[in-house]
């Protein structure tokens, strides 16, 4: 769970940064924001399930030389659990606000185009064709 928590925003950034031409700009933003919300939910689960004992999760072996073994790991303690909540919650909301205003701006632009008469309206429906 902690590895998904760590890598979900990174995967969302990669998909949005390199894949927006294939997905479209709006879908890329939705994917990145959804993965950030997944990370936020998992950080809350880590915080709620935290029992006060520090533990380490090894992701991969980084340096191995003789008797020296250095892992790339996530150390989870009380401070880490609190900071995960703060950072992922604020980041998720910061990503959600422009996505919501973008949607409202698109709806507002269509409404203004209809009012100007530059966007055709279907006869059976007041919505644009």
N, C-alpha and C. Protein backbone atom coordinates (compact mmCIF):
# COMPACT_ATOMS: atom_id res chain seq x y z
N UNK A 1 0.82 -1.19 0.00
CA UNK A 1 0.00 0.00 0.00
C UNK A 1 0.87 1.26 0.00
N UNK A 2 1.95 1.25 0.77
CA UNK A 2 2.80 2.44 0.84
C UNK A 2 3.53 2.70 -0.48
N UNK A 3 3.86 1.65 -1.21
CA UNK A 3 4.53 1.87 -2.50
C UNK A 3 3.55 2.47 -3.51
N UNK A 4 2.30 2.05 -3.47
CA UNK A 4 1.29 2.68 -4.34
C UNK A 4 1.10 4.12 -3.95
N UNK A 5 1.06 4.37 -2.64
CA UNK A 5 0.94 5.73 -2.12
C UNK A 5 2.07 6.62 -2.62
N UNK A 6 3.27 6.07 -2.69
CA UNK A 6 4.43 6.84 -3.12
C UNK A 6 4.46 7.05 -4.63
N UNK A 7 4.12 6.03 -5.40
CA UNK A 7 4.30 6.10 -6.85
C UNK A 7 3.07 6.52 -7.64
N UNK A 8 1.90 6.56 -7.05
CA UNK A 8 0.69 6.96 -7.79
C UNK A 8 0.78 8.39 -8.33
N UNK A 9 1.20 9.39 -7.54
CA UNK A 9 1.34 10.73 -8.12
C UNK A 9 2.42 10.81 -9.20
N UNK A 10 3.47 10.03 -9.04
CA UNK A 10 4.54 10.01 -10.05
C UNK A 10 4.02 9.44 -11.37
N UNK A 11 3.27 8.36 -11.30
CA UNK A 11 2.69 7.77 -12.51
C UNK A 11 1.68 8.73 -13.14
N UNK A 12 0.89 9.41 -12.30
CA UNK A 12 -0.04 10.41 -12.82
C UNK A 12 0.67 11.55 -13.52
N UNK A 13 1.79 11.99 -12.97
CA UNK A 13 2.56 13.06 -13.60
C UNK A 13 3.15 12.61 -14.93
N UNK A 14 3.64 11.37 -14.98
CA UNK A 14 4.17 10.84 -16.23
C UNK A 14 3.08 10.72 -17.30
N UNK A 15 1.93 10.19 -16.90
CA UNK A 15 0.83 10.05 -17.86
C UNK A 15 0.34 11.40 -18.35
N UNK A 16 0.21 12.36 -17.45
CA UNK A 16 -0.26 13.68 -17.85
C UNK A 16 0.79 14.43 -18.65
N UNK A 17 2.05 14.28 -18.28
CA UNK A 17 3.11 15.01 -18.96
C UNK A 17 3.42 14.49 -20.35
N UNK A 18 3.46 13.17 -20.48
CA UNK A 18 3.83 12.58 -21.77
C UNK A 18 2.64 12.05 -22.56
N UNK A 19 1.50 11.80 -21.91
CA UNK A 19 0.39 11.17 -22.60
C UNK A 19 -0.77 12.07 -22.93
N UNK A 20 -0.65 13.38 -22.64
CA UNK A 20 -1.78 14.26 -22.88
C UNK A 20 -2.12 14.38 -24.36
N UNK A 21 -1.16 14.14 -25.23
CA UNK A 21 -1.45 14.22 -26.67
C UNK A 21 -2.31 13.04 -27.12
N UNK A 22 -2.17 11.89 -26.45
CA UNK A 22 -2.96 10.72 -26.81
C UNK A 22 -4.30 10.72 -26.09
N UNK A 23 -4.31 11.13 -24.81
CA UNK A 23 -5.54 11.10 -24.04
C UNK A 23 -6.40 12.33 -24.25
N UNK A 24 -5.77 13.42 -24.56
CA UNK A 24 -6.44 14.71 -24.55
C UNK A 24 -6.08 15.40 -23.25
N UNK A 25 -6.11 16.71 -23.28
CA UNK A 25 -5.65 17.48 -22.13
C UNK A 25 -6.54 17.29 -20.91
N UNK A 26 -7.85 17.28 -21.12
CA UNK A 26 -8.76 17.17 -19.99
C UNK A 26 -8.69 15.78 -19.34
N UNK A 27 -8.63 14.72 -20.13
CA UNK A 27 -8.54 13.37 -19.58
C UNK A 27 -7.21 13.17 -18.85
N UNK A 28 -6.14 13.75 -19.36
CA UNK A 28 -4.85 13.65 -18.68
C UNK A 28 -4.91 14.32 -17.31
N UNK A 29 -5.57 15.46 -17.23
CA UNK A 29 -5.73 16.14 -15.94
C UNK A 29 -6.59 15.31 -14.98
N UNK A 30 -7.63 14.69 -15.50
CA UNK A 30 -8.49 13.86 -14.66
C UNK A 30 -7.72 12.65 -14.14
N UNK A 31 -6.93 12.00 -14.99
CA UNK A 31 -6.14 10.84 -14.58
C UNK A 31 -5.14 11.23 -13.49
N UNK A 32 -4.42 12.33 -13.69
CA UNK A 32 -3.43 12.77 -12.70
C UNK A 32 -4.10 13.12 -11.38
N UNK A 33 -5.24 13.80 -11.43
CA UNK A 33 -5.94 14.17 -10.21
C UNK A 33 -6.51 12.94 -9.50
N UNK A 34 -7.02 11.97 -10.27
CA UNK A 34 -7.55 10.74 -9.67
C UNK A 34 -6.45 9.95 -8.96
N UNK A 35 -5.29 9.86 -9.57
CA UNK A 35 -4.19 9.15 -8.92
C UNK A 35 -3.69 9.89 -7.67
N UNK A 36 -3.78 11.20 -7.70
CA UNK A 36 -3.42 11.97 -6.52
C UNK A 36 -4.43 11.76 -5.40
N UNK A 37 -5.72 11.66 -5.75
CA UNK A 37 -6.73 11.36 -4.73
C UNK A 37 -6.57 9.94 -4.19
N UNK A 38 -6.16 9.00 -5.04
CA UNK A 38 -5.85 7.65 -4.56
C UNK A 38 -4.74 7.70 -3.53
N UNK A 39 -3.72 8.47 -3.81
CA UNK A 39 -2.61 8.64 -2.88
C UNK A 39 -3.08 9.27 -1.58
N UNK A 40 -3.98 10.23 -1.67
CA UNK A 40 -4.51 10.88 -0.47
C UNK A 40 -5.30 9.88 0.38
N UNK A 41 -6.14 9.09 -0.25
CA UNK A 41 -6.94 8.10 0.48
C UNK A 41 -6.02 7.07 1.16
N UNK A 42 -5.00 6.63 0.45
CA UNK A 42 -4.07 5.67 1.04
C UNK A 42 -3.27 6.28 2.18
N UNK A 43 -2.94 7.57 2.09
CA UNK A 43 -2.21 8.21 3.19
C UNK A 43 -3.10 8.31 4.43
N UNK A 44 -4.38 8.56 4.26
CA UNK A 44 -5.30 8.55 5.40
C UNK A 44 -5.40 7.15 5.99
N UNK A 45 -5.40 6.11 5.12
CA UNK A 45 -5.45 4.73 5.62
C UNK A 45 -4.19 4.39 6.41
N UNK A 46 -3.04 4.87 5.95
CA UNK A 46 -1.79 4.64 6.68
C UNK A 46 -1.84 5.34 8.04
N UNK A 47 -2.35 6.55 8.06
CA UNK A 47 -2.43 7.30 9.32
C UNK A 47 -3.40 6.65 10.31
N UNK A 48 -4.57 6.25 9.82
CA UNK A 48 -5.56 5.63 10.71
C UNK A 48 -5.08 4.27 11.21
N UNK A 49 -4.41 3.51 10.35
CA UNK A 49 -3.93 2.19 10.74
C UNK A 49 -2.59 2.19 11.44
N UNK A 50 -2.00 3.36 11.65
CA UNK A 50 -0.68 3.43 12.28
C UNK A 50 -0.79 3.12 13.76
N UNK A 51 0.01 2.16 14.23
CA UNK A 51 -0.05 1.72 15.62
C UNK A 51 1.05 2.31 16.50
N UNK A 52 1.82 3.24 15.99
CA UNK A 52 2.86 3.88 16.78
C UNK A 52 4.23 3.24 16.66
N UNK A 53 4.34 2.17 15.91
CA UNK A 53 5.62 1.49 15.77
C UNK A 53 6.26 1.85 14.43
N UNK A 54 7.51 2.27 14.46
CA UNK A 54 8.22 2.63 13.24
C UNK A 54 8.61 1.38 12.46
N UNK A 55 8.37 1.42 11.16
CA UNK A 55 8.77 0.30 10.30
C UNK A 55 9.30 0.83 8.99
N UNK A 56 10.00 -0.02 8.29
CA UNK A 56 10.64 0.35 7.03
C UNK A 56 10.21 -0.62 5.94
N UNK A 57 9.90 -0.09 4.77
CA UNK A 57 9.48 -0.90 3.62
C UNK A 57 10.53 -0.74 2.54
N UNK A 58 11.20 -1.83 2.21
CA UNK A 58 12.25 -1.80 1.21
C UNK A 58 11.64 -1.84 -0.19
N UNK A 59 12.06 -0.90 -1.03
CA UNK A 59 11.55 -0.86 -2.41
C UNK A 59 12.50 -1.60 -3.33
N UNK A 60 13.79 -1.27 -3.25
CA UNK A 60 14.78 -2.00 -4.04
C UNK A 60 16.16 -1.83 -3.43
N UNK A 61 17.07 -2.72 -3.82
CA UNK A 61 18.45 -2.67 -3.34
C UNK A 61 19.17 -1.60 -4.16
N UNK A 62 19.80 -0.65 -3.47
CA UNK A 62 20.42 0.46 -4.18
C UNK A 62 21.93 0.25 -4.34
N UNK A 63 22.63 0.10 -3.23
CA UNK A 63 24.08 -0.11 -3.26
C UNK A 63 24.38 -1.41 -2.52
N UNK A 64 25.22 -2.23 -3.14
CA UNK A 64 25.64 -3.48 -2.51
C UNK A 64 27.13 -3.63 -2.77
N UNK A 65 27.93 -3.48 -1.72
CA UNK A 65 29.37 -3.55 -1.87
C UNK A 65 29.96 -4.23 -0.64
N UNK A 66 30.43 -5.45 -0.82
CA UNK A 66 31.00 -6.19 0.31
C UNK A 66 29.94 -6.45 1.36
N UNK A 67 30.19 -5.94 2.55
CA UNK A 67 29.21 -6.12 3.63
C UNK A 67 28.27 -4.93 3.76
N UNK A 68 28.37 -3.94 2.87
CA UNK A 68 27.50 -2.77 2.89
C UNK A 68 26.29 -3.02 1.99
N UNK A 69 25.12 -2.95 2.56
CA UNK A 69 23.87 -3.09 1.80
C UNK A 69 23.02 -1.87 2.08
N UNK A 70 22.74 -1.11 1.05
CA UNK A 70 21.92 0.08 1.19
C UNK A 70 20.67 -0.08 0.33
N UNK A 71 19.52 -0.03 0.99
CA UNK A 71 18.25 -0.18 0.28
C UNK A 71 17.61 1.18 0.08
N UNK A 72 16.82 1.27 -0.99
CA UNK A 72 15.94 2.41 -1.15
C UNK A 72 14.67 2.01 -0.45
N UNK A 73 14.32 2.69 0.63
CA UNK A 73 13.22 2.25 1.48
C UNK A 73 12.38 3.43 1.94
N UNK A 74 11.18 3.10 2.37
CA UNK A 74 10.28 4.08 2.96
C UNK A 74 10.23 3.79 4.46
N UNK A 75 10.57 4.77 5.26
CA UNK A 75 10.48 4.61 6.71
C UNK A 75 9.20 5.30 7.15
N UNK A 76 8.32 4.54 7.79
CA UNK A 76 7.03 5.08 8.22
C UNK A 76 7.04 5.20 9.73
N UNK A 77 6.92 6.45 10.20
CA UNK A 77 6.77 6.72 11.62
C UNK A 77 5.64 7.73 11.79
N UNK A 78 5.47 8.24 12.99
CA UNK A 78 4.35 9.14 13.26
C UNK A 78 4.44 10.42 12.42
N UNK A 79 5.62 11.01 12.33
CA UNK A 79 5.80 12.24 11.56
C UNK A 79 5.55 12.00 10.08
N UNK A 80 6.01 10.87 9.56
CA UNK A 80 5.78 10.54 8.15
C UNK A 80 4.29 10.40 7.86
N UNK A 81 3.57 9.74 8.75
CA UNK A 81 2.13 9.55 8.54
C UNK A 81 1.39 10.89 8.54
N UNK A 82 1.77 11.78 9.44
CA UNK A 82 1.12 13.10 9.48
C UNK A 82 1.46 13.91 8.24
N UNK A 83 2.72 13.91 7.84
CA UNK A 83 3.13 14.68 6.67
C UNK A 83 2.51 14.13 5.38
N UNK A 84 2.34 12.81 5.31
CA UNK A 84 1.66 12.23 4.14
C UNK A 84 0.25 12.79 4.01
N UNK A 85 -0.45 12.89 5.12
CA UNK A 85 -1.82 13.44 5.09
C UNK A 85 -1.80 14.89 4.64
N UNK A 86 -0.95 15.69 5.24
CA UNK A 86 -0.92 17.12 4.93
C UNK A 86 -0.57 17.35 3.46
N UNK A 87 0.48 16.73 2.99
CA UNK A 87 0.96 17.00 1.64
C UNK A 87 0.01 16.45 0.58
N UNK A 88 -0.44 15.21 0.74
CA UNK A 88 -1.32 14.64 -0.29
C UNK A 88 -2.70 15.27 -0.28
N UNK A 89 -3.23 15.64 0.89
CA UNK A 89 -4.55 16.28 0.94
C UNK A 89 -4.53 17.66 0.29
N UNK A 90 -3.54 18.45 0.64
CA UNK A 90 -3.43 19.79 0.05
C UNK A 90 -3.18 19.69 -1.46
N UNK A 91 -2.31 18.78 -1.88
CA UNK A 91 -2.02 18.63 -3.31
C UNK A 91 -3.24 18.17 -4.08
N UNK A 92 -4.01 17.24 -3.52
CA UNK A 92 -5.21 16.77 -4.21
C UNK A 92 -6.22 17.89 -4.38
N UNK A 93 -6.42 18.68 -3.34
CA UNK A 93 -7.37 19.79 -3.45
C UNK A 93 -6.87 20.88 -4.38
N UNK A 94 -5.59 21.14 -4.38
CA UNK A 94 -5.03 22.13 -5.30
C UNK A 94 -5.20 21.68 -6.75
N UNK A 95 -5.11 20.37 -7.01
CA UNK A 95 -5.32 19.87 -8.37
C UNK A 95 -6.80 19.83 -8.74
N UNK A 96 -7.68 19.68 -7.75
CA UNK A 96 -9.11 19.59 -8.03
C UNK A 96 -9.70 20.95 -8.37
N UNK A 97 -9.26 22.00 -7.74
CA UNK A 97 -9.85 23.33 -7.94
C UNK A 97 -9.70 23.80 -9.39
N UNK A 98 -8.52 23.75 -10.01
CA UNK A 98 -8.46 24.18 -11.42
C UNK A 98 -9.26 23.27 -12.36
N UNK A 99 -9.34 21.99 -12.02
CA UNK A 99 -10.13 21.08 -12.84
C UNK A 99 -11.60 21.46 -12.80
N UNK A 100 -12.11 21.81 -11.61
CA UNK A 100 -13.51 22.22 -11.46
C UNK A 100 -13.76 23.57 -12.13
N UNK A 101 -12.84 24.52 -11.98
CA UNK A 101 -13.05 25.82 -12.63
C UNK A 101 -12.92 25.72 -14.14
N UNK A 102 -12.08 24.81 -14.62
CA UNK A 102 -11.96 24.60 -16.05
C UNK A 102 -13.28 24.11 -16.63
N UNK A 103 -13.92 23.20 -15.91
CA UNK A 103 -15.21 22.66 -16.33
C UNK A 103 -16.25 23.78 -16.35
N UNK A 104 -16.27 24.62 -15.31
CA UNK A 104 -17.23 25.72 -15.25
C UNK A 104 -16.95 26.75 -16.34
N UNK A 105 -15.69 27.00 -16.66
CA UNK A 105 -15.34 27.94 -17.72
C UNK A 105 -15.80 27.41 -19.07
N UNK A 106 -15.67 26.11 -19.30
CA UNK A 106 -16.12 25.52 -20.55
C UNK A 106 -17.63 25.64 -20.69
N UNK A 107 -18.36 25.36 -19.62
CA UNK A 107 -19.81 25.47 -19.65
C UNK A 107 -20.21 26.93 -19.87
N UNK A 108 -19.53 27.85 -19.19
CA UNK A 108 -19.83 29.28 -19.33
C UNK A 108 -19.54 29.76 -20.75
N UNK A 109 -18.46 29.28 -21.36
CA UNK A 109 -18.13 29.69 -22.73
C UNK A 109 -19.18 29.19 -23.71
N UNK A 110 -19.69 27.97 -23.51
CA UNK A 110 -20.75 27.46 -24.38
C UNK A 110 -22.03 28.26 -24.21
N UNK A 111 -22.35 28.64 -22.97
CA UNK A 111 -23.56 29.43 -22.72
C UNK A 111 -23.45 30.80 -23.38
N UNK A 112 -22.27 31.41 -23.32
CA UNK A 112 -22.08 32.72 -23.97
C UNK A 112 -22.17 32.59 -25.48
N UNK A 113 -21.65 31.51 -26.04
CA UNK A 113 -21.72 31.30 -27.49
C UNK A 113 -23.16 31.10 -27.93
N UNK A 114 -23.94 30.41 -27.13
CA UNK A 114 -25.36 30.23 -27.46
C UNK A 114 -26.07 31.57 -27.40
N UNK A 115 -25.77 32.39 -26.39
CA UNK A 115 -26.41 33.70 -26.25
C UNK A 115 -26.06 34.62 -27.42
N UNK A 116 -24.83 34.52 -27.93
CA UNK A 116 -24.42 35.33 -29.07
C UNK A 116 -25.02 34.82 -30.37
N UNK A 117 -25.44 33.57 -30.37
CA UNK A 117 -25.99 32.98 -31.57
C UNK A 117 -24.94 32.35 -32.47
N UNK A 118 -23.73 32.21 -31.97
CA UNK A 118 -22.66 31.65 -32.79
C UNK A 118 -22.57 30.14 -32.69
N UNK A 119 -23.31 29.53 -31.76
CA UNK A 119 -23.32 28.09 -31.61
C UNK A 119 -24.72 27.59 -31.93
N UNK A 120 -24.88 26.72 -32.93
CA UNK A 120 -26.23 26.29 -33.32
C UNK A 120 -26.90 25.46 -32.22
N UNK A 121 -28.20 25.62 -32.11
CA UNK A 121 -28.99 24.90 -31.12
C UNK A 121 -29.93 23.95 -31.87
N UNK A 122 -30.02 22.72 -31.40
CA UNK A 122 -30.94 21.76 -32.00
C UNK A 122 -32.38 22.21 -31.72
N UNK A 123 -33.27 21.96 -32.63
CA UNK A 123 -34.66 22.40 -32.45
C UNK A 123 -35.36 21.63 -31.33
N UNK A 124 -35.02 20.37 -31.12
CA UNK A 124 -35.70 19.58 -30.10
C UNK A 124 -35.12 19.77 -28.71
N UNK A 125 -33.96 20.36 -28.61
CA UNK A 125 -33.31 20.50 -27.32
C UNK A 125 -32.66 21.89 -27.22
N UNK A 126 -32.67 22.47 -26.03
CA UNK A 126 -32.02 23.78 -25.87
C UNK A 126 -30.49 23.67 -25.82
N UNK A 127 -29.95 22.45 -25.84
CA UNK A 127 -28.50 22.27 -25.80
C UNK A 127 -27.91 22.37 -27.19
N UNK A 128 -26.63 22.69 -27.29
CA UNK A 128 -25.99 22.75 -28.62
C UNK A 128 -25.94 21.38 -29.29
N UNK A 129 -25.93 21.40 -30.61
CA UNK A 129 -25.90 20.15 -31.37
C UNK A 129 -24.54 19.48 -31.28
